Amino acid sequence: MSSLQKEVVKSRAKNLPNPAILSSRLMQHKGHYKRDYEPVHWSQYFQDRKSIAIAEDVFYAYHQGNEGPLLVLIHGGGYSGLTWAQFTKAVTALVTCQIMAIDLRGHGSSKTKKDDDLSINTLANDVVHILEAISENRPIIMIGHSLGGAVAVRAAPLIPNVIGVIVIDVVEGTAIESLRSMQGFLRSRPAQFSSISKAVEWCVRSGQIRNVNSAKVSVPGQIKNIENNTLGADDLEHDPKPDPSDESNSATSTLPAPLGTIVEGELSISSTTEETSSVKYTWRINLAQTEKYWNEWFHGLSSAFLELEAPKMLLLAGVDRLDKELTVGQMQGKFQLQVLTACGHAIHEDAPDKVAEAVATFLVRHKFAEPTADFTWTVPCC
């Protein structure tokens, strides 16, 4: 190397930052960064929550919108109507519609004399009775996630004004197969949390919900206060937190996607234990005690779905989840298939914007709903 070249190298080196100082600054920045897991009140997404009395039982449902067809949203096992919060915000921006997100028996704020009766017929009849009670002959599109998809399929033939059915990430074959690992998944979850924000943090870090903004409004509906049995979402009534972000579709889990299961979420990476002295919250429903119903939830689901006369769509997190009966049905054009990648089991929480686009396109294509100025066509894909 010539003397001139050496001088140039020395000159450039003088202008480079000191590695020790740079490392120190990076560590300080990392120390100041903290992800926000503070829960958000449901009123940021829904205009009200109504109670529906059926005999001695009281069911709750979250509502949004005053015009257009009614989208009846049915959550999966362990979730609540709040699992649809981000999806509601997204879909109502694309099409003119009304939302009714129900808390099923034994879930959320709903209170029944037999909370532990979670047979598929009981759950389907509950939905039928709720819709009969609102006494409005509006066109209805049933949308259900996992267990909620099975309930929607069973309830739809009993409701004369159902014009469409959408099922999210539940297929009979893969669902029944995954039940063998269900108790192991449930045992892996923490039994208690010291705060709502700790529960939100666990759900995001474990991969059960990959969208932190969705988790902040959804998780409070999945847990209850141990001291007074109040739903976590109701503990926020007097301290509503505004939604700090409009980025409803941000995927925030930095952990690799864990192995999926059907009820409800993803296999946790670790089971964190909270200090018993500070324990305040536990799961709203003990899913392990519902095992006797698991097989009947999904048995015969594929054939029941294919037999529905209304237009129907199946949204999956992976095409490999299709069983033989649905694969044949899809090839025969009996339903629309939409596959969304890079999502967990709770597709509508992980990617609410993409699910809303697919649902909105389905509604507009069948002329069930009027598009808004923000609507754009989504091409069906598999």
Protein backbone atom coordinates (compact mmCIF):
# COMPACT_ATOMS: atom_id res chain seq x y z
CA MET A 1 0.00 0.00 0.00
CA SER A 2 1.42 3.37 -0.98
CA SER A 3 1.98 6.14 1.56
CA LEU A 4 -0.85 8.11 -0.04
CA GLN A 5 -3.27 5.21 0.43
CA LYS A 6 -2.21 4.83 4.05
CA GLU A 7 -2.92 8.51 4.70
CA VAL A 8 -6.41 8.19 3.17
CA VAL A 9 -7.22 5.15 5.36
CA LYS A 10 -6.04 6.95 8.51
CA SER A 11 -8.09 10.01 7.64
CA ARG A 12 -11.26 7.98 7.18
CA ALA A 13 -10.68 6.01 10.38
CA LYS A 14 -10.54 9.23 12.40
CA ASN A 15 -14.09 10.09 11.28
CA LEU A 16 -15.56 6.74 12.33
CA PRO A 17 -17.45 6.64 15.69
CA ASN A 18 -15.74 5.05 18.68
CA PRO A 19 -17.03 1.41 18.87
CA ALA A 20 -17.19 1.52 22.68
CA ILE A 21 -19.29 4.72 22.65
CA LEU A 22 -21.55 3.34 19.91
CA SER A 23 -22.12 0.10 21.84
CA SER A 24 -22.92 2.06 25.01
CA ARG A 25 -25.49 4.21 23.19
CA LEU A 26 -27.14 1.14 21.67
CA MET A 27 -27.45 -0.48 25.09
CA GLN A 28 -28.99 2.68 26.55
CA HIS A 29 -31.51 2.81 23.70
CA LYS A 30 -32.37 -0.86 24.20
CA GLY A 31 -32.84 -0.32 27.92
CA HIS A 32 -35.28 2.54 27.36
CA TYR A 33 -37.40 0.55 24.87
CA LYS A 34 -40.43 -1.19 26.36
CA ARG A 35 -43.35 -2.65 24.45
CA ASP A 36 -46.76 -1.37 25.52
CA TYR A 37 -49.07 -4.12 26.80
CA GLU A 38 -51.57 -1.84 28.53
CA PRO A 39 -55.15 -3.05 27.89
CA VAL A 40 -57.56 -0.99 25.78
CA HIS A 41 -61.26 -0.49 26.50
CA TRP A 42 -63.73 -2.07 24.05
CA SER A 43 -65.52 1.25 23.48
CA GLN A 44 -62.67 2.17 21.11
CA TYR A 45 -64.13 -0.38 18.66
CA PHE A 46 -67.81 -0.90 19.47
CA GLN A 47 -70.57 1.65 20.00
CA ASP A 48 -72.29 -0.36 22.73
CA ARG A 49 -72.67 -3.70 24.47
CA LYS A 50 -76.20 -5.06 24.85
CA SER A 51 -77.62 -7.72 27.15
CA ILE A 52 -80.11 -10.22 25.73
CA ALA A 53 -82.25 -12.13 28.24
CA ILE A 54 -83.24 -15.67 27.22
CA ALA A 55 -85.39 -17.22 29.98
CA GLU A 56 -83.06 -17.19 33.03
CA ASP A 57 -79.90 -16.67 31.00
CA VAL A 58 -78.32 -13.36 29.98
CA PHE A 59 -76.09 -13.11 26.92
CA TYR A 60 -74.00 -10.10 25.97
CA ALA A 61 -73.11 -8.88 22.50
CA TYR A 62 -70.99 -5.98 21.21
CA HIS A 63 -72.52 -3.82 18.48
CA GLN A 64 -71.29 -1.48 15.77
CA GLY A 65 -73.08 0.15 12.83
CA ASN A 66 -76.71 0.97 12.06
CA GLU A 67 -77.13 0.13 8.37
CA GLY A 68 -76.59 -2.80 6.03
CA PRO A 69 -76.61 -6.54 6.65
CA LEU A 70 -75.88 -7.92 10.11
CA LEU A 71 -72.58 -9.76 10.54
CA VAL A 72 -73.03 -12.15 13.47
CA LEU A 73 -69.54 -12.88 14.82
CA ILE A 74 -69.00 -16.02 16.90
CA HIS A 75 -65.71 -16.46 18.76
CA GLY A 76 -63.70 -19.62 19.42
CA GLY A 77 -63.32 -21.52 22.68
CA GLY A 78 -61.77 -19.41 25.44
CA TYR A 79 -62.16 -16.11 23.59
CA SER A 80 -65.01 -13.56 23.79
CA GLY A 81 -66.80 -11.17 21.45
CA LEU A 82 -63.85 -8.80 21.89
CA THR A 83 -61.70 -11.07 19.72
CA TRP A 84 -63.45 -9.34 16.79
CA ALA A 85 -62.58 -5.75 17.81
CA GLN A 86 -59.84 -5.06 15.26
CA PHE A 87 -61.72 -6.91 12.51
CA THR A 88 -64.84 -4.82 13.25
CA LYS A 89 -62.88 -1.60 12.85
CA ALA A 90 -61.43 -2.80 9.55
CA VAL A 91 -64.52 -4.31 7.90
CA THR A 92 -66.88 -1.43 8.73
CA ALA A 93 -64.44 0.88 6.94
CA LEU A 94 -64.78 -1.18 3.75
CA VAL A 95 -68.50 -2.01 3.52
CA THR A 96 -71.75 -0.71 5.02
CA CYS A 97 -72.72 -3.31 7.59
CA GLN A 98 -73.72 -3.90 11.19
CA ILE A 99 -71.77 -5.97 13.69
CA MET A 100 -73.01 -8.21 16.49
CA ALA A 101 -70.15 -9.98 18.32
CA ILE A 102 -71.64 -12.45 20.80
CA ASP A 103 -70.19 -13.74 24.07
CA LEU A 104 -71.04 -17.44 24.01
CA ARG A 105 -72.31 -19.38 27.01
CA GLY A 106 -69.56 -19.71 29.63
CA HIS A 107 -67.49 -16.97 27.96
CA GLY A 108 -67.03 -13.23 28.32
CA SER A 109 -69.79 -11.39 30.18
CA SER A 110 -72.59 -13.86 29.41
CA LYS A 111 -74.14 -15.55 32.43
CA THR A 112 -76.26 -18.70 32.25
CA LYS A 113 -77.61 -21.25 34.71
CA LYS A 114 -75.52 -23.95 33.03
CA ASP A 115 -72.29 -22.28 31.98
CA ASP A 116 -70.66 -25.71 31.73
CA ASP A 117 -73.13 -27.03 29.12
CA LEU A 118 -71.08 -26.43 26.00
CA SER A 119 -72.58 -29.09 23.75
CA ILE A 120 -72.68 -28.03 20.11
CA ASN A 121 -76.48 -28.14 20.03
CA THR A 122 -76.77 -25.95 23.12
CA LEU A 123 -74.35 -23.38 21.71
CA ALA A 124 -76.09 -23.33 18.31
CA ASN A 125 -79.52 -22.98 19.91
CA ASP A 126 -78.24 -20.12 22.07
CA VAL A 127 -77.27 -18.20 18.93
CA VAL A 128 -80.64 -18.95 17.33
CA HIS A 129 -82.51 -17.71 20.41
CA ILE A 130 -80.38 -14.57 20.63
CA LEU A 131 -81.15 -13.67 17.02
CA GLU A 132 -84.85 -14.43 17.53
CA ALA A 133 -84.86 -12.13 20.55
CA ILE A 134 -83.65 -9.10 18.62
CA SER A 135 -86.80 -9.52 16.47
CA GLU A 136 -85.44 -7.94 13.33
CA ASN A 137 -85.70 -9.68 9.98
CA ARG A 138 -82.39 -8.39 8.66
CA PRO A 139 -80.18 -10.34 6.24
CA ILE A 140 -77.55 -12.12 8.31
CA ILE A 141 -74.06 -13.34 7.49
CA MET A 142 -72.73 -15.80 10.05
CA ILE A 143 -68.98 -15.61 10.69
CA GLY A 144 -67.31 -17.99 13.14
CA HIS A 145 -63.76 -18.71 14.25
CA SER A 146 -62.74 -22.27 15.22
CA LEU A 147 -65.41 -23.50 17.69
CA GLY A 148 -67.42 -20.46 16.62
CA GLY A 149 -67.21 -21.69 13.03
CA ALA A 150 -68.71 -25.02 14.08
CA VAL A 151 -71.48 -23.18 15.95
CA ALA A 152 -72.18 -20.96 12.92
CA VAL A 153 -72.47 -23.98 10.61
CA ARG A 154 -74.91 -25.73 12.98
CA ALA A 155 -76.98 -22.59 13.66
CA ALA A 156 -77.23 -21.27 10.08
CA PRO A 157 -79.86 -23.78 8.82
CA LEU A 158 -82.09 -22.85 11.77
CA ILE A 159 -82.15 -19.14 10.93
CA PRO A 160 -84.24 -18.34 7.83
CA ASN A 161 -82.64 -14.96 7.04
CA VAL A 162 -79.03 -16.22 6.89
CA ILE A 163 -77.71 -15.34 3.44
CA GLY A 164 -74.04 -16.26 3.84
CA VAL A 165 -71.64 -18.21 6.08
CA ILE A 166 -67.91 -17.64 6.64
CA VAL A 167 -65.81 -20.08 8.66
CA ILE A 168 -62.36 -19.14 9.92
CA ASP A 169 -59.55 -21.69 10.43
CA VAL A 170 -61.46 -24.80 11.42
CA VAL A 171 -61.55 -28.03 9.43
CA GLU A 172 -62.99 -31.27 10.82
CA GLY A 173 -60.06 -33.56 10.07
CA THR A 174 -57.25 -31.37 11.39
CA ALA A 175 -59.37 -30.16 14.31
CA ILE A 176 -60.09 -33.66 15.61
CA GLU A 177 -56.47 -34.67 15.08
CA SER A 178 -55.20 -31.71 17.11
CA LEU A 179 -57.44 -32.55 20.08
CA ARG A 180 -54.91 -35.17 21.19
CA SER A 181 -52.48 -32.42 22.18
CA MET A 182 -55.09 -30.10 23.65
CA GLN A 183 -54.70 -30.95 27.33
CA GLY A 184 -50.96 -30.50 27.00
CA PHE A 185 -51.45 -27.05 25.50
CA LEU A 186 -53.87 -26.03 28.26
CA ARG A 187 -51.47 -27.25 30.97
CA SER A 188 -48.70 -25.16 29.42
CA ARG A 189 -50.60 -21.90 29.97
CA PRO A 190 -50.08 -19.85 33.13
CA ALA A 191 -52.94 -20.44 35.56
CA GLN A 192 -52.88 -16.88 36.91
CA PHE A 193 -51.71 -13.35 36.14
CA SER A 194 -50.89 -10.45 38.44
CA SER A 195 -52.51 -7.91 36.10
CA ILE A 196 -54.38 -7.61 32.82
CA SER A 197 -51.28 -6.23 31.10
CA LYS A 198 -49.31 -9.33 32.20
CA ALA A 199 -51.95 -11.52 30.56
CA VAL A 200 -51.74 -9.44 27.38
CA GLU A 201 -47.95 -9.75 27.42
CA TRP A 202 -48.06 -13.53 27.79
CA CYS A 203 -50.57 -13.95 24.94
CA VAL A 204 -48.35 -11.90 22.61
CA ARG A 205 -44.99 -13.32 23.66
CA SER A 206 -46.26 -16.92 23.50
CA GLY A 207 -47.66 -16.38 20.00
CA GLN A 208 -51.27 -17.07 20.94
CA ILE A 209 -52.09 -13.64 19.48
CA ARG A 210 -49.44 -12.10 17.24
CA ASN A 211 -50.95 -8.63 16.94
CA VAL A 212 -50.34 -6.67 20.15
CA ASN A 213 -53.03 -4.08 19.36
CA SER A 214 -55.60 -6.84 19.02
CA ALA A 215 -54.41 -8.58 22.18
CA LYS A 216 -54.80 -5.39 24.23
CA VAL A 217 -58.56 -5.33 23.63
CA SER A 218 -59.18 -9.08 23.23
CA VAL A 219 -57.37 -10.55 26.23
CA PRO A 220 -59.35 -8.61 28.90
CA GLY A 221 -62.39 -10.56 27.65
CA GLN A 222 -60.63 -13.89 28.24
CA ILE A 223 -59.74 -13.44 31.92
CA LYS A 224 -61.57 -12.69 35.14
CA ASN A 225 -60.71 -11.05 38.46
CA ILE A 226 -60.12 -13.77 41.05
CA GLU A 227 -61.29 -11.59 43.94
CA ASN A 228 -64.71 -10.58 42.61
CA ASN A 229 -65.17 -12.80 39.52
CA THR A 230 -65.49 -9.71 37.30
CA LEU A 231 -64.45 -9.98 33.67
CA GLY A 232 -61.13 -8.28 33.01
CA ALA A 233 -62.80 -6.08 30.38
CA ASP A 234 -65.25 -4.83 33.00
CA ASP A 235 -62.40 -3.89 35.33
CA LEU A 236 -61.45 -1.36 32.64
CA GLU A 237 -64.90 0.30 32.72
CA HIS A 238 -63.72 3.13 34.94
CA ASP A 239 -60.31 3.45 33.36
CA PRO A 240 -60.70 3.22 29.56
CA LYS A 241 -57.43 3.44 27.68
CA PRO A 242 -57.44 4.97 24.18
CA ASP A 243 -56.01 2.90 21.36
CA PRO A 244 -52.52 4.36 20.90
CA SER A 245 -52.11 3.06 17.35
CA ASP A 246 -54.07 2.94 14.13
CA GLU A 247 -51.78 0.21 12.82
CA SER A 248 -54.33 -2.52 13.43
CA ASN A 249 -52.47 -5.11 11.41
CA SER A 250 -49.04 -4.91 13.01
CA ALA A 251 -47.52 -8.31 13.79
CA THR A 252 -45.60 -7.79 16.97
CA SER A 253 -44.45 -11.13 18.29
CA THR A 254 -40.69 -11.42 17.92
CA LEU A 255 -40.81 -15.13 18.72
CA PRO A 256 -40.87 -17.81 16.01
CA ALA A 257 -44.33 -19.12 15.15
CA PRO A 258 -45.09 -22.02 17.49
CA LEU A 259 -46.89 -25.24 16.61
CA GLY A 260 -50.62 -24.57 16.12
CA THR A 261 -53.53 -26.16 17.95
CA ILE A 262 -57.25 -25.86 17.45
CA VAL A 263 -58.59 -24.67 20.81
CA GLU A 264 -57.68 -21.83 20.77
CA GLY A 265 -54.42 -20.22 19.89
CA GLU A 266 -50.86 -21.45 19.60
CA LEU A 267 -48.78 -23.72 21.76
CA SER A 268 -46.94 -21.61 24.29
CA ILE A 269 -43.18 -21.43 24.34
CA SER A 270 -43.00 -21.36 28.11
CA SER A 271 -45.39 -21.29 31.02
CA THR A 272 -44.54 -18.27 33.13
CA THR A 273 -45.47 -18.45 36.78
CA GLU A 274 -46.73 -15.34 38.58
CA GLU A 275 -46.10 -14.74 42.26
CA THR A 276 -49.10 -16.10 44.16
CA SER A 277 -49.10 -13.12 46.49
CA SER A 278 -49.83 -10.78 43.59
CA VAL A 279 -52.25 -13.00 41.67
CA LYS A 280 -55.38 -11.21 40.57
CA TYR A 281 -56.60 -12.72 37.29
CA THR A 282 -57.27 -16.19 35.89
CA TRP A 283 -58.91 -17.55 32.75
CA ARG A 284 -62.64 -16.82 32.37
CA ILE A 285 -63.36 -20.44 31.42
CA ASN A 286 -61.60 -23.66 32.38
CA LEU A 287 -61.31 -25.21 28.92
CA ALA A 288 -59.78 -28.42 30.31
CA GLN A 289 -63.13 -29.23 31.91
CA THR A 290 -64.92 -29.03 28.55
CA GLU A 291 -63.06 -32.02 27.09
CA LYS A 292 -66.16 -34.22 26.88
CA TYR A 293 -67.56 -31.84 24.23
CA TRP A 294 -64.46 -31.46 22.05
CA ASN A 295 -65.11 -34.30 19.63
CA GLU A 296 -68.77 -33.38 19.02
CA TRP A 297 -67.83 -29.76 18.29
CA PHE A 298 -66.06 -30.83 15.11
CA HIS A 299 -67.46 -34.26 14.19
CA GLY A 300 -69.41 -34.02 10.92
CA LEU A 301 -68.43 -30.38 10.44
CA SER A 302 -67.10 -30.71 6.88
CA SER A 303 -70.24 -32.35 5.51
CA ALA A 304 -72.48 -29.91 7.41
CA PHE A 305 -70.54 -26.98 5.94
CA LEU A 306 -70.77 -28.33 2.39
CA GLU A 307 -74.52 -28.95 2.75
CA LEU A 308 -75.28 -25.32 3.58
CA GLU A 309 -77.30 -23.76 0.78
CA ALA A 310 -76.10 -20.19 1.39
CA PRO A 311 -72.91 -18.92 -0.29
CA LYS A 312 -69.96 -19.77 1.92
CA MET A 313 -66.28 -19.05 2.36
CA LEU A 314 -63.54 -20.83 4.29
CA LEU A 315 -60.59 -18.76 5.54
CA LEU A 316 -57.52 -20.76 6.54
CA ALA A 317 -54.06 -20.03 7.90
CA GLY A 318 -52.62 -22.72 5.59
CA VAL A 319 -53.87 -24.82 2.69
CA ASP A 320 -52.42 -27.93 4.38
CA ARG A 321 -55.27 -27.70 6.92
CA LEU A 322 -57.87 -28.87 4.38
CA ASP A 323 -59.19 -32.41 4.92
CA LYS A 324 -60.14 -34.77 2.07
CA GLU A 325 -63.87 -33.94 2.08
CA LEU A 326 -63.29 -30.20 1.86
CA THR A 327 -60.55 -30.62 -0.74
CA VAL A 328 -63.01 -32.44 -3.00
CA GLY A 329 -65.72 -29.86 -2.26
CA GLN A 330 -63.39 -26.99 -3.09
CA MET A 331 -62.43 -28.60 -6.40
CA GLN A 332 -66.14 -28.90 -7.17
CA GLY A 333 -66.61 -25.18 -6.51
CA LYS A 334 -68.93 -25.66 -3.53
CA PHE A 335 -67.32 -22.85 -1.51
CA GLN A 336 -64.75 -20.08 -1.79
CA LEU A 337 -61.38 -20.79 -0.22
CA GLN A 338 -59.08 -18.01 0.99
CA VAL A 339 -55.67 -18.77 2.50
CA LEU A 340 -53.78 -16.13 4.47
CA THR A 341 -50.13 -16.81 5.19
CA ALA A 342 -47.94 -15.68 8.10
CA CYS A 343 -50.85 -15.93 10.53
CA GLY A 344 -51.55 -18.02 13.61
CA HIS A 345 -54.80 -19.79 14.42
CA ALA A 346 -56.50 -16.50 15.33
CA ILE A 347 -56.29 -15.15 11.77
CA HIS A 348 -58.82 -12.38 12.38
CA GLU A 349 -56.68 -11.04 15.24
CA ASP A 350 -53.27 -11.51 13.65
CA ALA A 351 -54.25 -10.01 10.28
CA PRO A 352 -57.57 -8.17 10.79
CA ASP A 353 -57.13 -5.95 7.73
CA LYS A 354 -56.54 -8.91 5.40
CA VAL A 355 -59.48 -10.85 6.83
CA ALA A 356 -61.68 -7.76 6.53
CA GLU A 357 -60.65 -7.32 2.87
CA ALA A 358 -61.51 -10.95 2.10
CA VAL A 359 -64.85 -10.74 3.91
CA ALA A 360 -65.73 -7.39 2.32
CA THR A 361 -64.96 -8.75 -1.16
CA PHE A 362 -67.17 -11.78 -0.45
CA LEU A 363 -70.03 -9.50 0.66
CA VAL A 364 -69.73 -7.15 -2.32
CA ARG A 365 -69.31 -9.96 -4.86
CA HIS A 366 -72.56 -11.57 -3.70
CA LYS A 367 -74.23 -8.13 -3.46
CA PHE A 368 -74.85 -8.58 0.26
CA ALA A 369 -73.36 -5.19 1.20
CA GLU A 370 -72.53 -1.85 -0.38
CA PRO A 371 -68.84 -0.92 -0.63
CA THR A 372 -67.48 2.29 0.88
CA ALA A 373 -65.01 4.63 -0.82
CA ASP A 374 -62.14 2.72 0.86
CA PHE A 375 -63.13 -0.66 -0.59
CA THR A 376 -60.79 -2.46 -3.00
CA TRP A 377 -61.29 -5.88 -4.55
CA THR A 378 -59.32 -8.79 -3.13
CA VAL A 379 -58.64 -11.65 -5.52
CA PRO A 380 -59.62 -15.05 -4.01
CA CYS A 381 -56.56 -17.23 -3.66
CA CYS A 382 -55.52 -20.56 -2.26
